Amino acid sequence: MKRKIFTTALLSCCFMICLAATFADIAGTWTGELKMTDGNTIPLSYTFKADGEKLTGTANSPQGEVAIENGKIAGDAISFTVNVQGMEIPHSGKCYPDSIAMNIQVGEDHLHSKLLKKAK
């Protein structure tokens, strides 16, 4: 009986460590493109810093660099806002081991950046 409990506990710990390692590596620079409603694409770059459930960093686009505000990490989900020329732009995304899918709301437009890849 002790052996069975020990084996179950060990497997549970291994699973939790693997799961944490998969999503804990958001820190760093992620790049991709955002397809606008008119069909044009805009290059994007995010530099994320994670501290527990707090997400900070910067966002870069052709309009310049802005700070990430109100950033949160909840499991594999992230959310934050950026302020561009007085306009708050909310972002939400889902993290995968090698990419991030990002939803961005600019005014009435709901945009989606399919694959942000981690820069090497």
Protein backbone atom coordinates (compact mmCIF):
# COMPACT_ATOMS: atom_id res chain seq x y z
CA MET A 1 0.00 0.00 0.00
CA LYS A 2 2.83 2.40 0.86
CA ARG A 3 4.47 1.63 -2.46
CA LYS A 4 1.28 2.47 -4.36
CA ILE A 5 0.86 5.79 -2.52
CA PHE A 6 4.54 6.67 -3.09
CA THR A 7 4.30 5.83 -6.82
CA THR A 8 1.12 7.91 -7.23
CA ALA A 9 2.68 10.87 -5.39
CA LEU A 10 5.86 10.64 -7.48
CA LEU A 11 3.94 10.54 -10.77
CA SER A 12 1.79 13.48 -9.66
CA CYS A 13 4.89 15.53 -8.85
CA CYS A 14 6.47 14.69 -12.21
CA PHE A 15 3.30 15.74 -14.03
CA MET A 16 3.12 19.08 -12.16
CA ILE A 17 6.78 19.84 -12.86
CA CYS A 18 6.34 19.11 -16.58
CA LEU A 19 3.21 21.27 -16.71
CA ALA A 20 4.92 24.16 -14.93
CA ALA A 21 7.94 23.96 -17.22
CA THR A 22 5.70 24.10 -20.27
CA PHE A 23 4.04 27.40 -19.38
CA ALA A 24 6.58 29.08 -17.11
CA ASP A 25 8.88 30.17 -19.93
CA ILE A 26 6.93 33.20 -21.17
CA ALA A 27 9.82 35.53 -20.28
CA GLY A 28 11.69 36.78 -23.31
CA THR A 29 10.96 38.35 -26.69
CA TRP A 30 8.09 37.10 -28.87
CA THR A 31 7.54 38.27 -32.46
CA GLY A 32 4.78 37.94 -35.02
CA GLU A 33 2.39 39.81 -37.28
CA LEU A 34 -1.06 41.26 -36.73
CA LYS A 35 -3.50 41.12 -39.65
CA MET A 36 -5.62 44.26 -39.75
CA THR A 37 -9.24 44.40 -40.95
CA ASP A 38 -8.10 46.04 -44.22
CA GLY A 39 -5.82 43.06 -44.99
CA ASN A 40 -2.51 44.77 -44.15
CA THR A 41 -0.16 43.20 -41.63
CA ILE A 42 1.79 44.94 -38.90
CA PRO A 43 4.92 43.43 -37.33
CA LEU A 44 4.68 43.05 -33.55
CA SER A 45 7.21 42.29 -30.87
CA TYR A 46 6.62 41.77 -27.15
CA THR A 47 9.26 41.49 -24.45
CA PHE A 48 7.68 39.78 -21.46
CA LYS A 49 8.91 39.59 -17.87
CA ALA A 50 7.09 37.25 -15.51
CA ASP A 51 7.02 37.45 -11.73
CA GLY A 52 4.61 34.83 -10.44
CA GLU A 53 1.20 35.85 -11.77
CA LYS A 54 2.37 39.37 -12.70
CA LEU A 55 3.30 40.13 -16.32
CA THR A 56 5.32 43.21 -17.29
CA GLY A 57 7.48 44.26 -20.22
CA THR A 58 7.12 46.19 -23.48
CA ALA A 59 5.28 45.98 -26.78
CA ASN A 60 6.87 47.16 -30.03
CA SER A 61 5.19 48.06 -33.30
CA PRO A 62 5.98 50.47 -36.14
CA GLN A 63 4.35 53.17 -33.97
CA GLY A 64 7.01 52.67 -31.28
CA GLU A 65 7.57 50.98 -27.93
CA VAL A 66 5.01 51.07 -25.10
CA ALA A 67 4.91 49.56 -21.62
CA ILE A 68 2.74 46.58 -20.78
CA GLU A 69 0.29 47.52 -18.02
CA ASN A 70 -2.06 45.48 -15.80
CA GLY A 71 -0.42 42.24 -16.93
CA LYS A 72 -1.64 38.95 -15.49
CA ILE A 73 -0.73 35.30 -15.92
CA ALA A 74 -3.30 32.61 -15.04
CA GLY A 75 -2.12 29.15 -16.05
CA ASP A 76 -1.67 29.27 -19.83
CA ALA A 77 -3.67 32.51 -20.22
CA ILE A 78 -2.22 36.03 -20.24
CA SER A 79 -3.85 39.44 -20.33
CA PHE A 80 -2.57 43.01 -20.34
CA THR A 81 -3.16 46.46 -21.78
CA VAL A 82 -0.97 48.91 -23.63
CA ASN A 83 -1.56 52.65 -23.91
CA VAL A 84 -0.98 54.00 -27.42
CA GLN A 85 -1.46 57.76 -27.75
CA GLY A 86 -4.01 57.81 -24.91
CA MET A 87 -5.95 54.76 -26.14
CA GLU A 88 -6.03 51.69 -23.89
CA ILE A 89 -5.67 48.56 -26.03
CA PRO A 90 -6.54 45.31 -24.22
CA HIS A 91 -4.69 42.11 -25.13
CA SER A 92 -5.47 38.54 -24.12
CA GLY A 93 -3.72 35.39 -25.16
CA LYS A 94 -3.08 31.73 -24.68
CA CYS A 95 0.43 30.37 -24.28
CA TYR A 96 1.61 27.19 -25.92
CA PRO A 97 5.07 25.65 -25.49
CA ASP A 98 6.40 27.27 -28.68
CA SER A 99 3.92 30.07 -29.47
CA ILE A 100 1.32 32.51 -28.17
CA ALA A 101 -2.08 33.19 -29.76
CA MET A 102 -3.01 36.82 -29.07
CA ASN A 103 -6.36 38.63 -29.27
CA ILE A 104 -6.22 42.42 -29.48
CA GLN A 105 -9.10 44.87 -29.34
CA VAL A 106 -8.48 48.17 -31.09
CA GLY A 107 -11.61 50.29 -30.77
CA GLU A 108 -14.43 48.25 -32.32
CA ASP A 109 -12.04 45.92 -34.15
CA HIS A 110 -11.25 42.50 -32.66
CA LEU A 111 -7.94 41.33 -34.12
CA HIS A 112 -6.08 38.05 -33.75
CA SER A 113 -2.36 37.39 -34.05
CA LYS A 114 -2.15 33.64 -34.67
CA LEU A 115 1.42 32.84 -33.87
CA LEU A 116 3.85 34.83 -31.84
CA LYS A 117 7.11 32.89 -31.84
CA LYS A 118 9.84 33.22 -29.27
CA ALA A 119 12.88 35.04 -30.64
CA LYS A 120 16.17 33.22 -30.21
